[in-house]
């Protein structure tokens, strides 16, 4: 990543970089090498304009793009921030699906906890570093599988399963790693 102050400077740096790589017998990947306008409320001008076809990029599992943020005074503004990318979220969702939590009726809650907590904690620590709310759909999916597990294990209806799950995080809010993030308790 190279940050520049203007489109002209970015084009000059890209040309120099392309030239240097060619001298070394290398070439830049066209999909991974692009000029991106990092829009936020503090930038002068009306926006990206025609010279900037890209306003977001993905790097190390994060999509960097303009997002809504709140300053210390509670005022909303636009900020160029990272959050988990759609591709990474899809991969993690496939991993959660592969656990087949709802089919493990022979397991106890402690067994499920031992299976999912280390993985969820790692995901939350890595992807939750920036814009944690982007992880919520994935974490809700884990809760949905836990609810289905309760339904099948204890042969109860949806309402009863939801109640048991709610009772679970009311009694032990840190039992599953994602509960502390999704349902923070006030001490």
N, C-alpha and C. Protein backbone atom coordinates (compact mmCIF):
# COMPACT_ATOMS: atom_id res chain seq x y z
N UNK A 1 0.83 -1.16 0.00
CA UNK A 1 0.00 0.00 0.00
C UNK A 1 0.89 1.24 0.00
N UNK A 2 0.56 2.15 -0.87
CA UNK A 2 1.28 3.42 -0.95
C UNK A 2 0.23 4.52 -0.90
N UNK A 3 0.37 5.44 0.05
CA UNK A 3 -0.57 6.56 0.17
C UNK A 3 -0.02 7.78 -0.54
N UNK A 4 -0.88 8.43 -1.31
CA UNK A 4 -0.50 9.64 -2.04
C UNK A 4 -1.50 10.75 -1.73
N UNK A 5 -1.09 11.99 -2.01
CA UNK A 5 -1.95 13.12 -1.70
C UNK A 5 -2.83 13.55 -2.86
N UNK A 6 -2.50 13.12 -4.08
CA UNK A 6 -3.31 13.52 -5.23
C UNK A 6 -3.33 12.40 -6.26
N UNK A 7 -4.27 12.51 -7.19
CA UNK A 7 -4.37 11.52 -8.27
C UNK A 7 -3.12 11.56 -9.15
N UNK A 8 -2.62 12.75 -9.43
CA UNK A 8 -1.42 12.88 -10.26
C UNK A 8 -0.23 12.20 -9.60
N UNK A 9 -0.07 12.42 -8.31
CA UNK A 9 1.03 11.80 -7.57
C UNK A 9 0.87 10.27 -7.58
N UNK A 10 -0.34 9.79 -7.40
CA UNK A 10 -0.60 8.35 -7.40
C UNK A 10 -0.26 7.73 -8.75
N UNK A 11 -0.64 8.41 -9.83
CA UNK A 11 -0.33 7.89 -11.17
C UNK A 11 1.18 7.86 -11.41
N UNK A 12 1.89 8.90 -10.95
CA UNK A 12 3.35 8.96 -11.12
C UNK A 12 4.03 7.84 -10.33
N UNK A 13 3.58 7.62 -9.11
CA UNK A 13 4.16 6.56 -8.28
C UNK A 13 3.88 5.19 -8.89
N UNK A 14 2.67 4.99 -9.40
CA UNK A 14 2.32 3.72 -10.02
C UNK A 14 3.18 3.46 -11.26
N UNK A 15 3.39 4.49 -12.07
CA UNK A 15 4.23 4.34 -13.27
C UNK A 15 5.67 4.02 -12.88
N UNK A 16 6.19 4.70 -11.86
CA UNK A 16 7.56 4.45 -11.40
C UNK A 16 7.69 3.04 -10.83
N UNK A 17 6.68 2.61 -10.09
CA UNK A 17 6.69 1.26 -9.51
C UNK A 17 6.63 0.20 -10.60
N UNK A 18 5.76 0.43 -11.58
CA UNK A 18 5.65 -0.51 -12.70
C UNK A 18 6.98 -0.60 -13.46
N UNK A 19 7.63 0.54 -13.67
CA UNK A 19 8.92 0.59 -14.37
C UNK A 19 9.99 -0.18 -13.57
N UNK A 20 10.03 0.05 -12.27
CA UNK A 20 11.02 -0.62 -11.41
C UNK A 20 10.80 -2.13 -11.39
N UNK A 21 9.57 -2.56 -11.34
CA UNK A 21 9.27 -4.00 -11.35
C UNK A 21 9.66 -4.63 -12.68
N UNK A 22 9.44 -3.91 -13.77
CA UNK A 22 9.81 -4.41 -15.09
C UNK A 22 11.33 -4.59 -15.18
N UNK A 23 12.08 -3.63 -14.62
CA UNK A 23 13.54 -3.74 -14.60
C UNK A 23 13.99 -5.00 -13.85
N UNK A 24 13.24 -5.38 -12.83
CA UNK A 24 13.59 -6.55 -12.02
C UNK A 24 13.01 -7.84 -12.61
N UNK A 25 12.33 -7.73 -13.76
CA UNK A 25 11.75 -8.91 -14.39
C UNK A 25 10.45 -9.36 -13.76
N UNK A 26 9.78 -8.44 -13.08
CA UNK A 26 8.51 -8.74 -12.43
C UNK A 26 7.42 -7.87 -13.02
N UNK A 27 6.18 -8.24 -12.75
CA UNK A 27 5.07 -7.39 -13.18
C UNK A 27 4.04 -7.28 -12.07
N UNK A 28 3.33 -6.18 -12.06
CA UNK A 28 2.29 -5.94 -11.06
C UNK A 28 1.02 -6.69 -11.44
N UNK A 29 0.36 -7.26 -10.45
CA UNK A 29 -0.91 -7.95 -10.70
C UNK A 29 -1.98 -6.90 -10.96
N UNK A 30 -2.68 -6.97 -12.10
CA UNK A 30 -3.64 -5.91 -12.44
C UNK A 30 -4.82 -5.80 -11.47
N UNK A 31 -5.25 -6.92 -10.87
CA UNK A 31 -6.38 -6.86 -9.93
C UNK A 31 -5.95 -6.34 -8.56
N UNK A 32 -4.69 -6.53 -8.22
CA UNK A 32 -4.22 -6.15 -6.89
C UNK A 32 -3.51 -4.80 -6.87
N UNK A 33 -3.26 -4.23 -8.03
CA UNK A 33 -2.56 -2.95 -8.11
C UNK A 33 -3.49 -1.93 -8.73
N UNK A 34 -4.05 -1.08 -7.90
CA UNK A 34 -4.98 -0.08 -8.41
C UNK A 34 -4.95 1.17 -7.54
N UNK A 35 -5.41 2.25 -8.11
CA UNK A 35 -5.50 3.51 -7.39
C UNK A 35 -6.90 3.57 -6.78
N UNK A 36 -6.95 3.78 -5.46
CA UNK A 36 -8.22 3.79 -4.73
C UNK A 36 -8.38 5.14 -4.04
N UNK A 37 -9.58 5.71 -4.15
CA UNK A 37 -9.88 6.96 -3.45
C UNK A 37 -10.37 6.62 -2.05
N UNK A 38 -9.64 7.06 -1.04
CA UNK A 38 -9.98 6.79 0.37
C UNK A 38 -10.87 7.91 0.89
N UNK A 39 -12.15 7.82 0.63
CA UNK A 39 -13.10 8.88 0.96
C UNK A 39 -13.38 8.94 2.45
N UNK A 40 -13.34 10.13 3.00
CA UNK A 40 -13.83 10.37 4.35
C UNK A 40 -14.27 11.83 4.46
N UNK A 41 -14.87 12.18 5.57
CA UNK A 41 -15.44 13.51 5.74
C UNK A 41 -14.39 14.62 5.77
N UNK A 42 -13.16 14.30 6.06
CA UNK A 42 -12.11 15.32 6.18
C UNK A 42 -11.43 15.67 4.86
N UNK A 43 -11.73 14.95 3.80
CA UNK A 43 -11.08 15.20 2.51
C UNK A 43 -11.76 16.38 1.81
N UNK A 44 -10.93 17.22 1.22
CA UNK A 44 -11.47 18.33 0.45
C UNK A 44 -11.92 17.84 -0.91
N UNK A 45 -12.86 18.49 -1.50
CA UNK A 45 -13.35 18.08 -2.82
C UNK A 45 -14.71 17.41 -2.69
N UNK A 46 -15.32 17.16 -3.83
CA UNK A 46 -16.68 16.64 -3.82
C UNK A 46 -16.75 15.13 -3.85
N UNK A 47 -15.62 14.47 -3.98
CA UNK A 47 -15.66 13.01 -4.01
C UNK A 47 -14.64 12.45 -4.97
N UNK A 48 -14.75 11.17 -5.26
CA UNK A 48 -13.72 10.51 -6.06
C UNK A 48 -13.59 11.03 -7.47
N UNK A 49 -14.66 11.38 -8.12
CA UNK A 49 -14.58 11.89 -9.49
C UNK A 49 -14.25 10.80 -10.49
N UNK A 50 -14.14 11.17 -11.77
CA UNK A 50 -13.95 10.18 -12.84
C UNK A 50 -12.57 9.52 -12.84
N UNK A 51 -11.56 10.15 -12.27
CA UNK A 51 -10.21 9.58 -12.27
C UNK A 51 -10.04 8.43 -11.29
N UNK A 52 -10.98 8.28 -10.37
CA UNK A 52 -10.88 7.24 -9.34
C UNK A 52 -12.00 6.22 -9.53
N UNK A 53 -11.77 5.18 -10.30
CA UNK A 53 -12.83 4.20 -10.50
C UNK A 53 -13.06 3.31 -9.28
N UNK A 54 -12.10 3.28 -8.35
CA UNK A 54 -12.21 2.40 -7.18
C UNK A 54 -12.31 3.22 -5.90
N UNK A 55 -13.25 2.83 -5.03
CA UNK A 55 -13.39 3.50 -3.74
C UNK A 55 -13.26 2.50 -2.59
N UNK A 56 -12.85 1.28 -2.89
CA UNK A 56 -12.62 0.29 -1.84
C UNK A 56 -11.62 -0.74 -2.33
N UNK A 57 -11.01 -1.44 -1.36
CA UNK A 57 -10.10 -2.53 -1.71
C UNK A 57 -10.10 -3.55 -0.57
N UNK A 58 -9.67 -4.76 -0.89
CA UNK A 58 -9.60 -5.84 0.10
C UNK A 58 -8.14 -6.20 0.33
N UNK A 59 -7.79 -6.35 1.61
CA UNK A 59 -6.42 -6.66 1.98
C UNK A 59 -6.44 -7.45 3.28
N UNK A 60 -5.82 -8.63 3.27
CA UNK A 60 -5.70 -9.50 4.45
C UNK A 60 -7.05 -9.82 5.10
N UNK A 61 -8.07 -10.04 4.28
CA UNK A 61 -9.38 -10.41 4.79
C UNK A 61 -10.25 -9.25 5.22
N UNK A 62 -9.78 -8.04 5.03
CA UNK A 62 -10.55 -6.84 5.38
C UNK A 62 -10.88 -6.07 4.12
N UNK A 63 -12.08 -5.51 4.06
CA UNK A 63 -12.45 -4.59 2.99
C UNK A 63 -12.36 -3.18 3.56
N UNK A 64 -11.54 -2.37 2.95
CA UNK A 64 -11.39 -0.97 3.34
C UNK A 64 -12.30 -0.16 2.44
N UNK A 65 -13.21 0.59 3.04
CA UNK A 65 -14.14 1.41 2.27
C UNK A 65 -14.72 2.49 3.17
N UNK A 66 -15.42 3.47 2.58
CA UNK A 66 -16.06 4.50 3.41
C UNK A 66 -17.15 3.87 4.26
N UNK A 67 -17.15 4.18 5.55
CA UNK A 67 -18.16 3.66 6.48
C UNK A 67 -18.60 4.78 7.41
N UNK A 68 -19.77 4.58 7.96
CA UNK A 68 -20.31 5.55 8.90
C UNK A 68 -19.63 5.36 10.26
N UNK A 69 -19.25 6.45 10.88
CA UNK A 69 -18.61 6.41 12.19
C UNK A 69 -19.19 7.52 13.06
N UNK A 70 -18.89 7.46 14.35
CA UNK A 70 -19.38 8.45 15.30
C UNK A 70 -18.17 9.02 16.04
N UNK A 71 -18.09 10.35 16.12
CA UNK A 71 -16.97 10.95 16.85
C UNK A 71 -17.27 11.00 18.34
N UNK A 72 -16.34 11.54 19.13
CA UNK A 72 -16.50 11.55 20.59
C UNK A 72 -17.67 12.42 21.06
N UNK A 73 -18.15 13.31 20.19
CA UNK A 73 -19.30 14.16 20.53
C UNK A 73 -20.62 13.57 20.07
N UNK A 74 -20.57 12.37 19.48
CA UNK A 74 -21.78 11.70 19.01
C UNK A 74 -22.23 12.11 17.62
N UNK A 75 -21.39 12.84 16.90
CA UNK A 75 -21.72 13.30 15.55
C UNK A 75 -21.29 12.24 14.53
N UNK A 76 -22.18 11.91 13.61
CA UNK A 76 -21.88 10.92 12.58
C UNK A 76 -21.07 11.56 11.46
N UNK A 77 -20.13 10.79 10.93
CA UNK A 77 -19.32 11.25 9.81
C UNK A 77 -18.88 10.04 8.99
N UNK A 78 -18.32 10.29 7.81
CA UNK A 78 -17.82 9.22 6.95
C UNK A 78 -16.34 9.05 7.21
N UNK A 79 -15.94 7.79 7.39
CA UNK A 79 -14.54 7.48 7.65
C UNK A 79 -14.14 6.29 6.79
N UNK A 80 -12.93 6.27 6.31
CA UNK A 80 -12.43 5.16 5.49
C UNK A 80 -11.89 4.11 6.45
N UNK A 81 -12.65 3.03 6.66
CA UNK A 81 -12.31 2.05 7.68
C UNK A 81 -12.34 0.62 7.15
N UNK A 82 -11.59 -0.27 7.80
CA UNK A 82 -11.64 -1.69 7.43
C UNK A 82 -12.72 -2.43 8.21
N UNK A 83 -13.22 -3.49 7.61
CA UNK A 83 -14.12 -4.45 8.28
C UNK A 83 -13.93 -5.77 7.56
N UNK A 84 -14.41 -6.84 8.15
CA UNK A 84 -14.25 -8.15 7.54
C UNK A 84 -14.83 -8.13 6.12
N UNK A 85 -14.12 -8.73 5.18
CA UNK A 85 -14.57 -8.73 3.79
C UNK A 85 -15.68 -9.76 3.59
N UNK A 86 -16.47 -9.59 2.53
CA UNK A 86 -17.54 -10.55 2.22
C UNK A 86 -16.98 -11.94 1.97
N UNK A 87 -15.82 -12.00 1.32
CA UNK A 87 -15.20 -13.30 1.03
C UNK A 87 -14.80 -14.00 2.32
N UNK A 88 -14.19 -13.26 3.24
CA UNK A 88 -13.77 -13.84 4.52
C UNK A 88 -14.99 -14.26 5.33
N UNK A 89 -16.03 -13.44 5.32
CA UNK A 89 -17.25 -13.76 6.05
C UNK A 89 -17.88 -15.04 5.51
N UNK A 90 -17.85 -15.20 4.20
CA UNK A 90 -18.40 -16.41 3.58
C UNK A 90 -17.58 -17.64 3.99
N UNK A 91 -16.26 -17.52 4.00
CA UNK A 91 -15.40 -18.63 4.42
C UNK A 91 -15.68 -19.03 5.87
N UNK A 92 -15.81 -18.04 6.73
CA UNK A 92 -16.08 -18.32 8.14
C UNK A 92 -17.45 -18.95 8.30
N UNK A 93 -18.43 -18.49 7.54
CA UNK A 93 -19.77 -19.08 7.59
C UNK A 93 -19.74 -20.54 7.16
N UNK A 94 -18.95 -20.84 6.15
CA UNK A 94 -18.83 -22.24 5.71
C UNK A 94 -18.18 -23.09 6.79
N UNK A 95 -17.23 -22.51 7.52
CA UNK A 95 -16.58 -23.23 8.63
C UNK A 95 -17.59 -23.51 9.74
N UNK A 96 -18.40 -22.51 10.09
CA UNK A 96 -19.43 -22.70 11.12
C UNK A 96 -20.41 -23.78 10.67
N UNK A 97 -20.80 -23.76 9.42
CA UNK A 97 -21.71 -24.76 8.88
C UNK A 97 -21.09 -26.16 8.98
N UNK A 98 -19.78 -26.25 8.73
CA UNK A 98 -19.11 -27.56 8.74
C UNK A 98 -19.06 -28.18 10.13
N UNK A 99 -19.23 -27.38 11.17
CA UNK A 99 -19.25 -27.92 12.53
C UNK A 99 -20.49 -28.78 12.78
N UNK A 100 -21.57 -28.50 12.05
CA UNK A 100 -22.83 -29.24 12.21
C UNK A 100 -23.29 -29.26 13.67
N UNK A 101 -23.26 -28.10 14.30
CA UNK A 101 -23.62 -28.01 15.71
C UNK A 101 -25.01 -28.58 15.99
N UNK A 102 -25.95 -28.27 15.11
CA UNK A 102 -27.33 -28.69 15.34
C UNK A 102 -27.51 -30.20 15.26
N UNK A 103 -26.53 -30.90 14.72
CA UNK A 103 -26.62 -32.36 14.61
C UNK A 103 -25.90 -33.08 15.73
N UNK A 104 -25.26 -32.37 16.60
CA UNK A 104 -24.47 -32.98 17.68
C UNK A 104 -25.33 -33.18 18.93
N UNK A 105 -26.43 -33.84 18.79
CA UNK A 105 -27.34 -34.02 19.92
C UNK A 105 -26.78 -34.95 20.99
N UNK A 106 -25.76 -35.72 20.65
CA UNK A 106 -25.12 -36.58 21.65
C UNK A 106 -24.13 -35.80 22.51
N UNK A 107 -23.82 -34.56 22.13
CA UNK A 107 -22.86 -33.72 22.86
C UNK A 107 -23.57 -32.84 23.88
N UNK A 108 -22.82 -32.47 24.89
CA UNK A 108 -23.31 -31.52 25.89
C UNK A 108 -22.85 -30.11 25.49
N UNK A 109 -23.40 -29.10 26.16
CA UNK A 109 -23.02 -27.72 25.87
C UNK A 109 -21.52 -27.50 26.08
N UNK A 110 -20.95 -28.14 27.08
CA UNK A 110 -19.51 -28.00 27.34
C UNK A 110 -18.68 -28.52 26.17
N UNK A 111 -19.15 -29.58 25.51
CA UNK A 111 -18.44 -30.12 24.35
C UNK A 111 -18.48 -29.13 23.19
N UNK A 112 -19.65 -28.54 22.97
CA UNK A 112 -19.78 -27.54 21.91
C UNK A 112 -18.90 -26.33 22.21
N UNK A 113 -18.88 -25.96 23.47
CA UNK A 113 -18.06 -24.82 23.90
C UNK A 113 -16.58 -25.08 23.60
N UNK A 114 -16.10 -26.27 23.93
CA UNK A 114 -14.69 -26.62 23.67
C UNK A 114 -14.39 -26.61 22.18
N UNK A 115 -15.37 -26.95 21.37
CA UNK A 115 -15.18 -26.97 19.91
C UNK A 115 -15.12 -25.56 19.33
N UNK A 116 -16.08 -24.71 19.71
CA UNK A 116 -16.22 -23.42 19.02
C UNK A 116 -15.47 -22.26 19.67
N UNK A 117 -15.29 -22.27 20.98
CA UNK A 117 -14.71 -21.10 21.64
C UNK A 117 -13.32 -20.70 21.16
N UNK A 118 -12.37 -21.63 21.03
CA UNK A 118 -11.04 -21.18 20.57
C UNK A 118 -11.09 -20.56 19.17
N UNK A 119 -11.92 -21.12 18.31
CA UNK A 119 -12.02 -20.61 16.94
C UNK A 119 -12.71 -19.25 16.93
N UNK A 120 -13.84 -19.15 17.62
CA UNK A 120 -14.56 -17.87 17.67
C UNK A 120 -13.71 -16.78 18.30
N UNK A 121 -13.00 -17.12 19.36
CA UNK A 121 -12.14 -16.13 20.02
C UNK A 121 -11.08 -15.61 19.05
N UNK A 122 -10.49 -16.50 18.27
CA UNK A 122 -9.50 -16.08 17.28
C UNK A 122 -10.10 -15.17 16.22
N UNK A 123 -11.27 -15.54 15.71
CA UNK A 123 -11.94 -14.71 14.70
C UNK A 123 -12.29 -13.34 15.27
N UNK A 124 -12.81 -13.32 16.49
CA UNK A 124 -13.20 -12.05 17.11
C UNK A 124 -11.97 -11.18 17.34
N UNK A 125 -10.88 -11.78 17.78
CA UNK A 125 -9.66 -11.00 18.02
C UNK A 125 -9.06 -10.46 16.72
N UNK A 126 -9.14 -11.23 15.64
CA UNK A 126 -8.57 -10.77 14.37
C UNK A 126 -9.53 -9.85 13.62
N UNK A 127 -10.69 -10.36 13.27
CA UNK A 127 -11.63 -9.58 12.45
C UNK A 127 -12.39 -8.54 13.26
N UNK A 128 -12.48 -8.73 14.57
CA UNK A 128 -13.21 -7.78 15.41
C UNK A 128 -12.38 -6.59 15.84
N UNK A 129 -11.15 -6.56 15.41
CA UNK A 129 -10.27 -5.44 15.76
C UNK A 129 -10.81 -4.12 15.21
N UNK A 130 -11.41 -4.19 14.04
CA UNK A 130 -12.00 -3.00 13.40
C UNK A 130 -13.45 -3.30 13.06
N UNK A 131 -14.33 -2.38 13.32
CA UNK A 131 -15.74 -2.45 12.91
C UNK A 131 -16.37 -3.79 13.29
N UNK A 132 -16.39 -4.06 14.59
CA UNK A 132 -16.86 -5.35 15.11
C UNK A 132 -18.27 -5.72 14.67
N UNK A 133 -19.10 -4.73 14.46
CA UNK A 133 -20.50 -5.02 14.12
C UNK A 133 -20.62 -5.78 12.80
N UNK A 134 -19.61 -5.74 11.96
CA UNK A 134 -19.65 -6.50 10.70
C UNK A 134 -19.60 -8.01 10.96
N UNK A 135 -19.16 -8.41 12.16
CA UNK A 135 -19.13 -9.83 12.53
C UNK A 135 -20.48 -10.35 13.03
N UNK A 136 -21.38 -9.46 13.40
CA UNK A 136 -22.63 -9.87 14.03
C UNK A 136 -23.44 -10.88 13.22
N UNK A 137 -23.56 -10.75 11.90
CA UNK A 137 -24.33 -11.77 11.16
C UNK A 137 -23.75 -13.18 11.34
N UNK A 138 -22.44 -13.29 11.36
CA UNK A 138 -21.81 -14.60 11.57
C UNK A 138 -22.09 -15.12 12.98
N UNK A 139 -21.98 -14.25 13.97
CA UNK A 139 -22.19 -14.66 15.35
C UNK A 139 -23.66 -15.00 15.60
N UNK A 140 -24.56 -14.30 14.93
CA UNK A 140 -25.99 -14.66 15.02
C UNK A 140 -26.22 -16.04 14.42
N UNK A 141 -25.49 -16.35 13.37
CA UNK A 141 -25.61 -17.68 12.75
C UNK A 141 -25.18 -18.77 13.72
N UNK A 142 -24.12 -18.52 14.48
CA UNK A 142 -23.70 -19.49 15.50
C UNK A 142 -24.82 -19.68 16.52
N UNK A 143 -25.44 -18.59 16.95
CA UNK A 143 -26.55 -18.69 17.90
C UNK A 143 -27.72 -19.46 17.30
N UNK A 144 -27.97 -19.27 16.01
CA UNK A 144 -29.05 -20.01 15.35
C UNK A 144 -28.78 -21.50 15.38
N UNK A 145 -27.54 -21.89 15.12
CA UNK A 145 -27.18 -23.31 15.19
C UNK A 145 -27.29 -23.83 16.62
N UNK A 146 -26.93 -23.01 17.60
CA UNK A 146 -27.07 -23.42 19.00
C UNK A 146 -28.55 -23.61 19.35
N UNK A 147 -29.39 -22.72 18.83
CA UNK A 147 -30.83 -22.85 19.08
C UNK A 147 -31.37 -24.13 18.45
N UNK A 148 -30.93 -24.43 17.25
CA UNK A 148 -31.36 -25.67 16.59
C UNK A 148 -30.86 -26.88 17.37
N UNK A 149 -29.66 -26.79 17.93
CA UNK A 149 -29.13 -27.88 18.76
C UNK A 149 -30.02 -28.09 19.98
N UNK A 150 -30.41 -27.00 20.64
CA UNK A 150 -31.30 -27.08 21.80
C UNK A 150 -32.62 -27.73 21.41
N UNK A 151 -33.17 -27.30 20.28
CA UNK A 151 -34.45 -27.87 19.82
C UNK A 151 -34.36 -29.37 19.62
N UNK A 152 -33.30 -29.82 18.97
CA UNK A 152 -33.17 -31.25 18.67
C UNK A 152 -32.79 -32.05 19.90
N UNK A 153 -31.91 -31.52 20.73
CA UNK A 153 -31.43 -32.27 21.90
C UNK A 153 -32.53 -32.42 22.95
N UNK A 154 -33.24 -31.34 23.21
CA UNK A 154 -34.24 -31.36 24.28
C UNK A 154 -35.68 -31.47 23.77
N UNK A 155 -35.83 -31.57 22.45
CA UNK A 155 -37.14 -31.72 21.80
C UNK A 155 -38.13 -30.66 22.27
N UNK A 156 -37.73 -29.42 22.04
CA UNK A 156 -38.58 -28.29 22.40
C UNK A 156 -38.85 -27.46 21.15
N UNK A 157 -39.85 -26.58 21.24
CA UNK A 157 -40.17 -25.75 20.08
C UNK A 157 -39.24 -24.53 20.02
N UNK A 158 -39.40 -23.74 18.97
CA UNK A 158 -38.51 -22.60 18.73
C UNK A 158 -38.55 -21.61 19.89
N UNK A 159 -39.73 -21.31 20.37
CA UNK A 159 -39.87 -20.34 21.45
C UNK A 159 -39.15 -20.81 22.72
N UNK A 160 -39.30 -22.08 23.04
CA UNK A 160 -38.64 -22.63 24.22
C UNK A 160 -37.12 -22.66 24.04
N UNK A 161 -36.68 -22.99 22.83
CA UNK A 161 -35.24 -23.02 22.56
C UNK A 161 -34.65 -21.62 22.68
N UNK A 162 -35.36 -20.62 22.16
CA UNK A 162 -34.89 -19.24 22.25
C UNK A 162 -34.80 -18.81 23.71
N UNK A 163 -35.79 -19.22 24.50
CA UNK A 163 -35.82 -18.88 25.92
C UNK A 163 -34.64 -19.52 26.66
N UNK A 164 -34.38 -20.80 26.34
CA UNK A 164 -33.26 -21.50 27.00
C UNK A 164 -31.92 -20.87 26.62
N UNK A 165 -31.79 -20.47 25.38
CA UNK A 165 -30.56 -19.81 24.95
C UNK A 165 -30.40 -18.47 25.68
N UNK A 166 -31.49 -17.71 25.77
CA UNK A 166 -31.45 -16.42 26.47
C UNK A 166 -31.13 -16.63 27.95
N UNK A 167 -31.70 -17.66 28.56
CA UNK A 167 -31.39 -17.97 29.96
C UNK A 167 -29.91 -18.32 30.10
N UNK A 168 -29.39 -19.03 29.12
CA UNK A 168 -27.98 -19.43 29.14
C UNK A 168 -27.05 -18.24 29.18
N UNK A 169 -27.28 -17.25 28.30
CA UNK A 169 -26.36 -16.12 28.34
C UNK A 169 -26.70 -15.12 29.44
N UNK A 170 -27.88 -15.24 30.05
CA UNK A 170 -28.17 -14.42 31.23
C UNK A 170 -27.41 -14.97 32.44
N UNK A 171 -27.34 -16.30 32.54
CA UNK A 171 -26.65 -16.94 33.67
C UNK A 171 -25.13 -16.94 33.52
N UNK A 172 -24.65 -17.16 32.30
CA UNK A 172 -23.21 -17.24 32.05
C UNK A 172 -22.87 -16.49 30.77
N UNK A 173 -22.79 -15.16 30.83
CA UNK A 173 -22.62 -14.36 29.62
C UNK A 173 -21.31 -14.59 28.87
N UNK A 174 -20.36 -15.27 29.47
CA UNK A 174 -19.08 -15.53 28.79
C UNK A 174 -18.90 -17.02 28.47
N UNK A 175 -19.96 -17.80 28.57
CA UNK A 175 -19.86 -19.24 28.34
C UNK A 175 -19.38 -19.54 26.92
N UNK A 176 -20.02 -18.90 25.94
CA UNK A 176 -19.53 -18.97 24.56
C UNK A 176 -18.83 -17.65 24.27
N UNK A 177 -17.73 -17.73 23.54
CA UNK A 177 -16.85 -16.56 23.33
C UNK A 177 -17.58 -15.38 22.70
N UNK A 178 -18.53 -15.64 21.82
CA UNK A 178 -19.19 -14.55 21.11
C UNK A 178 -20.28 -13.86 21.93
N UNK A 179 -20.74 -14.49 23.00
CA UNK A 179 -21.80 -13.88 23.80
C UNK A 179 -21.34 -12.58 24.45
N UNK A 180 -20.13 -12.53 24.93
CA UNK A 180 -19.63 -11.31 25.58
C UNK A 180 -19.59 -10.14 24.61
N UNK A 181 -19.34 -10.42 23.34
CA UNK A 181 -19.30 -9.37 22.32
C UNK A 181 -20.71 -8.93 21.93
N UNK A 182 -21.60 -9.91 21.75
CA UNK A 182 -22.94 -9.60 21.26
C UNK A 182 -23.87 -9.07 22.33
N UNK A 183 -23.69 -9.55 23.56
CA UNK A 183 -24.59 -9.17 24.64
C UNK A 183 -23.78 -8.68 25.84
N UNK A 184 -23.13 -7.54 25.72
CA UNK A 184 -22.30 -7.07 26.84
C UNK A 184 -23.17 -6.75 28.05
N UNK A 185 -22.71 -7.17 29.21
CA UNK A 185 -23.46 -6.91 30.44
C UNK A 185 -22.89 -5.68 31.11
N UNK A 186 -23.73 -4.97 31.77
CA UNK A 186 -23.29 -3.79 32.51
C UNK A 186 -22.96 -4.22 33.94
N UNK A 187 -21.76 -3.88 34.38
CA UNK A 187 -21.34 -4.26 35.74
C UNK A 187 -21.52 -3.12 36.69
